[in-house]
């Protein structure tokens, strides 16, 4: 039985050394660059936290209530690495429920949730930087750093288990084909460095995972970066604009 795509990605990223695989441009000139190894460490820590504190695994629904952002990629990949199902707040249905909520807006999390993780968005934030957290909410930035860089035991999902909620849903066994198709739509060659400015988190997930699957590198522009700066960033980063 082939290894699930998230685990294959982790292995490839971790072996990639210092080459940049994710570069983020956010508000006020914020820039964050993650090598393959560092990105793999972040994802592994997120998966370990979800496994240990959220008892995540196949069938666990993780609501990712984050904007288009590099941290959203970390938590979605961490959820898939744990074998869980990702639910995106941007297309969440009224009757959706989730056992775990990963959010930059912890005050909006429902009361009937097993685990709420508050995610600080500023690049250098090592702890929650907003108003006092509600009782029981975990400071994800601070807690994440306490987890190891080696993945703990994660029950492997079956191919038929749901990886991404939607209509239709994306199954764990379909993640490779789903993301490879999105990368093809981006028009990138294997190993390419590509600038992305997606309008939705779903679009970001499919294109970024597809590019990494093909050995590529992602330059991600947040929604607050002015359109006038796109070509300038592409030149500085030597990235194709797609």
Protein backbone atom coordinates (compact mmCIF):
# COMPACT_ATOMS: atom_id res chain seq x y z
CA UNK A 1 0.00 0.00 0.00
CA UNK A 2 1.57 3.35 -1.02
CA UNK A 3 2.43 5.87 1.65
CA UNK A 4 -0.13 8.70 1.96
CA UNK A 5 0.79 11.86 0.03
CA UNK A 6 1.32 14.07 3.13
CA UNK A 7 3.93 11.64 4.49
CA UNK A 8 5.68 11.48 1.11
CA UNK A 9 5.73 15.27 1.01
CA UNK A 10 7.19 15.48 4.51
CA UNK A 11 9.98 13.08 3.58
CA UNK A 12 10.79 15.01 0.41
CA UNK A 13 10.69 18.41 2.11
CA UNK A 14 12.79 17.28 5.07
CA UNK A 15 15.47 15.98 2.69
CA UNK A 16 15.52 19.24 0.75
CA UNK A 17 17.97 21.06 3.00
CA UNK A 18 18.13 24.84 2.85
CA UNK A 19 16.42 25.41 -0.50
CA UNK A 20 13.40 27.72 -0.11
CA UNK A 21 10.08 25.91 -0.60
CA UNK A 22 7.69 28.51 0.83
CA UNK A 23 8.17 32.29 0.78
CA UNK A 24 5.43 34.48 2.23
CA UNK A 25 4.75 38.16 1.63
CA UNK A 26 2.27 39.70 4.04
CA UNK A 27 1.16 43.15 5.17
CA UNK A 28 3.62 46.03 5.69
CA UNK A 29 6.44 44.33 3.79
CA UNK A 30 6.42 41.21 5.96
CA UNK A 31 8.48 38.42 4.41
CA UNK A 32 8.98 34.89 5.73
CA UNK A 33 11.00 32.19 4.00
CA UNK A 34 10.88 28.52 4.94
CA UNK A 35 13.27 25.91 3.60
CA UNK A 36 11.94 22.45 2.91
CA UNK A 37 13.39 21.18 6.17
CA UNK A 38 11.92 24.01 8.24
CA UNK A 39 8.52 23.67 6.58
CA UNK A 40 8.55 19.92 7.29
CA UNK A 41 9.39 20.65 10.94
CA UNK A 42 6.46 23.06 11.28
CA UNK A 43 4.05 20.55 9.71
CA UNK A 44 5.34 17.71 11.88
CA UNK A 45 4.95 19.76 15.05
CA UNK A 46 1.39 20.69 14.03
CA UNK A 47 0.54 17.03 13.34
CA UNK A 48 2.00 15.94 16.69
CA UNK A 49 0.00 18.59 18.55
CA UNK A 50 -3.21 17.53 16.81
CA UNK A 51 -2.50 13.85 17.51
CA UNK A 52 -1.73 14.38 21.19
CA UNK A 53 -4.06 17.19 22.23
CA UNK A 54 -6.87 16.71 19.73
CA UNK A 55 -6.74 12.91 19.48
CA UNK A 56 -6.84 13.50 15.73
CA UNK A 57 -6.96 10.72 13.20
CA UNK A 58 -9.10 9.41 10.36
CA UNK A 59 -12.63 10.75 10.80
CA UNK A 60 -11.59 13.74 12.93
CA UNK A 61 -12.83 16.99 11.43
CA UNK A 62 -10.46 19.94 11.75
CA UNK A 63 -11.97 23.32 10.93
CA UNK A 64 -9.29 25.63 9.52
CA UNK A 65 -10.61 29.15 10.09
CA UNK A 66 -7.62 31.06 8.73
CA UNK A 67 -7.10 33.44 5.81
CA UNK A 68 -4.85 32.76 2.83
CA UNK A 69 -1.59 32.59 4.80
CA UNK A 70 1.48 30.40 5.16
CA UNK A 71 0.31 29.25 8.59
CA UNK A 72 -2.90 27.92 7.02
CA UNK A 73 -0.78 25.65 4.83
CA UNK A 74 1.06 24.35 7.91
CA UNK A 75 -2.13 23.48 9.78
CA UNK A 76 -3.89 21.92 6.80
CA UNK A 77 -0.86 19.75 6.00
CA UNK A 78 -0.51 18.92 9.68
CA UNK A 79 -4.14 17.80 9.78
CA UNK A 80 -3.70 15.58 6.72
CA UNK A 81 -0.48 14.15 8.15
CA UNK A 82 -2.48 13.16 11.23
CA UNK A 83 -5.00 11.47 8.92
CA UNK A 84 -7.78 13.94 9.68
CA UNK A 85 -10.35 15.72 7.51
CA UNK A 86 -9.93 19.44 6.84
CA UNK A 87 -13.00 21.68 6.79
CA UNK A 88 -12.46 25.19 5.44
CA UNK A 89 -14.31 28.03 7.13
CA UNK A 90 -14.62 29.83 3.78
CA UNK A 91 -17.07 27.22 2.47
CA UNK A 92 -18.39 25.80 5.71
CA UNK A 93 -22.03 24.75 5.69
CA UNK A 94 -24.41 25.72 8.46
CA UNK A 95 -24.74 22.13 9.67
CA UNK A 96 -21.01 21.45 9.81
CA UNK A 97 -19.44 20.31 13.03
CA UNK A 98 -15.80 19.84 13.92
CA UNK A 99 -13.90 18.32 16.82
CA UNK A 100 -10.93 20.70 16.42
CA UNK A 101 -10.92 24.37 15.39
CA UNK A 102 -7.73 26.10 14.21
CA UNK A 103 -8.48 29.81 14.07
CA UNK A 104 -7.16 33.35 14.16
CA UNK A 105 -10.57 34.35 15.57
CA UNK A 106 -10.91 32.22 18.72
CA UNK A 107 -13.83 34.28 20.00
CA UNK A 108 -15.93 32.82 17.16
CA UNK A 109 -15.28 29.18 18.03
CA UNK A 110 -18.30 27.23 19.18
CA UNK A 111 -18.70 25.87 22.67
CA UNK A 112 -19.12 22.23 21.58
CA UNK A 113 -15.56 21.77 20.31
CA UNK A 114 -12.99 19.40 21.80
CA UNK A 115 -9.99 21.62 21.04
CA UNK A 116 -9.65 25.26 19.93
CA UNK A 117 -6.21 26.41 18.75
CA UNK A 118 -5.64 30.16 18.52
CA UNK A 119 -3.19 31.01 15.72
CA UNK A 120 -1.31 34.32 15.72
CA UNK A 121 -0.70 35.50 12.15
CA UNK A 122 2.29 37.92 12.39
CA UNK A 123 5.42 36.30 10.99
CA UNK A 124 7.53 36.45 14.14
CA UNK A 125 4.75 35.78 16.64
CA UNK A 126 5.77 33.03 19.04
CA UNK A 127 2.64 33.36 21.14
CA UNK A 128 -0.92 34.69 20.81
CA UNK A 129 -0.77 38.46 20.33
CA UNK A 130 -4.45 39.40 20.53
CA UNK A 131 -7.00 39.91 23.31
CA UNK A 132 -6.99 37.51 26.25
CA UNK A 133 -7.93 34.03 25.09
CA UNK A 134 -11.23 32.53 26.24
CA UNK A 135 -10.97 29.82 28.88
CA UNK A 136 -9.84 26.50 27.45
CA UNK A 137 -8.44 27.92 24.20
CA UNK A 138 -4.87 26.81 23.46
CA UNK A 139 -2.23 29.29 22.30
CA UNK A 140 -1.16 27.38 19.20
CA UNK A 141 1.99 29.41 18.51
CA UNK A 142 3.41 28.87 21.98
CA UNK A 143 2.26 25.26 22.31
CA UNK A 144 3.55 24.24 18.88
CA UNK A 145 7.16 24.86 19.87
CA UNK A 146 6.94 22.26 22.65
CA UNK A 147 6.35 19.40 20.18
CA UNK A 148 9.03 17.31 18.53
CA UNK A 149 10.29 17.34 14.95
CA UNK A 150 9.80 13.59 14.59
CA UNK A 151 6.28 12.43 13.78
CA UNK A 152 4.60 10.33 16.44
CA UNK A 153 2.30 7.43 15.68
CA UNK A 154 -0.37 8.56 13.24
CA UNK A 155 -3.02 6.00 12.21
CA UNK A 156 -2.88 5.99 8.40
CA UNK A 157 -6.10 7.05 6.70
CA UNK A 158 -7.76 4.76 4.20
CA UNK A 159 -7.93 5.95 0.61
CA UNK A 160 -11.69 6.36 1.02
CA UNK A 161 -11.41 8.58 4.11
CA UNK A 162 -12.26 12.23 3.48
CA UNK A 163 -9.28 14.60 3.43
CA UNK A 164 -11.02 17.84 2.43
CA UNK A 165 -14.68 18.57 2.98
CA UNK A 166 -16.60 19.84 -0.02
CA UNK A 167 -19.09 19.01 -2.73
CA UNK A 168 -17.68 16.65 -3.79
CA UNK A 169 -15.18 15.95 -1.01
CA UNK A 170 -11.54 15.14 -1.76
CA UNK A 171 -10.52 11.74 -0.40
CA UNK A 172 -7.12 10.95 1.05
CA UNK A 173 -6.49 8.61 -1.85
CA UNK A 174 -7.24 11.45 -4.28
CA UNK A 175 -5.03 14.18 -2.78
CA UNK A 176 -2.16 13.51 -5.18
CA UNK A 177 -4.29 13.60 -8.33
CA UNK A 178 -6.34 16.57 -7.06
CA UNK A 179 -3.30 18.71 -6.33
CA UNK A 180 -1.32 17.60 -9.38
CA UNK A 181 -4.23 18.73 -11.56
CA UNK A 182 -4.24 22.12 -9.86
CA UNK A 183 -0.49 22.49 -10.35
CA UNK A 184 -1.00 21.69 -14.03
CA UNK A 185 -3.56 24.47 -14.26
CA UNK A 186 -0.95 26.82 -12.81
CA UNK A 187 1.17 25.87 -15.81
CA UNK A 188 4.37 25.22 -13.88
CA UNK A 189 7.15 22.92 -14.96
CA UNK A 190 8.56 20.38 -12.53
CA UNK A 191 10.75 22.08 -9.93
CA UNK A 192 9.49 25.56 -10.82
CA UNK A 193 9.37 28.53 -8.45
CA UNK A 194 5.89 30.00 -8.79
CA UNK A 195 4.24 33.10 -7.36
CA UNK A 196 0.69 32.44 -6.19
CA UNK A 197 -1.96 34.93 -5.20
CA UNK A 198 -4.99 32.68 -4.66
CA UNK A 199 -8.41 34.04 -3.88
CA UNK A 200 -9.38 31.16 -1.58
CA UNK A 201 -7.69 28.80 0.83
CA UNK A 202 -8.95 25.81 -1.17
CA UNK A 203 -7.18 27.16 -4.25
CA UNK A 204 -4.01 27.75 -2.24
CA UNK A 205 -4.00 24.21 -0.84
CA UNK A 206 -4.45 22.53 -4.20
CA UNK A 207 -1.85 24.62 -6.01
CA UNK A 208 0.79 24.67 -3.28
CA UNK A 209 0.58 20.93 -2.60
CA UNK A 210 0.67 20.24 -6.34
CA UNK A 211 3.78 22.37 -6.79
CA UNK A 212 5.55 20.73 -3.84
CA UNK A 213 4.58 17.33 -5.17
CA UNK A 214 6.38 18.27 -8.39
CA UNK A 215 9.44 19.48 -6.49
CA UNK A 216 8.51 23.14 -6.87
CA UNK A 217 8.71 26.19 -4.64
CA UNK A 218 5.88 28.54 -3.66
CA UNK A 219 6.01 32.32 -3.35
CA UNK A 220 2.75 33.25 -1.65
CA UNK A 221 1.35 36.76 -1.64
CA UNK A 222 -1.23 37.63 0.98
CA UNK A 223 -4.40 39.53 0.10
CA UNK A 224 -2.96 42.74 1.58
CA UNK A 225 -0.06 42.95 -0.88
CA UNK A 226 -0.90 45.60 -3.54
CA UNK A 227 -1.33 44.41 -7.10
CA UNK A 228 1.33 46.90 -8.16
CA UNK A 229 3.97 44.94 -6.25
CA UNK A 230 3.31 41.56 -7.86
CA UNK A 231 5.77 41.89 -10.73
CA UNK A 232 8.42 43.42 -8.45
CA UNK A 233 8.17 40.50 -6.02
CA UNK A 234 8.29 38.02 -8.90
CA UNK A 235 11.51 39.58 -10.17
CA UNK A 236 13.13 39.66 -6.73
CA UNK A 237 12.17 36.03 -6.05
CA UNK A 238 12.84 34.86 -9.62
CA UNK A 239 9.39 33.32 -9.72
CA UNK A 240 6.88 32.80 -12.49
CA UNK A 241 3.53 34.54 -11.99
CA UNK A 242 0.57 32.19 -12.42
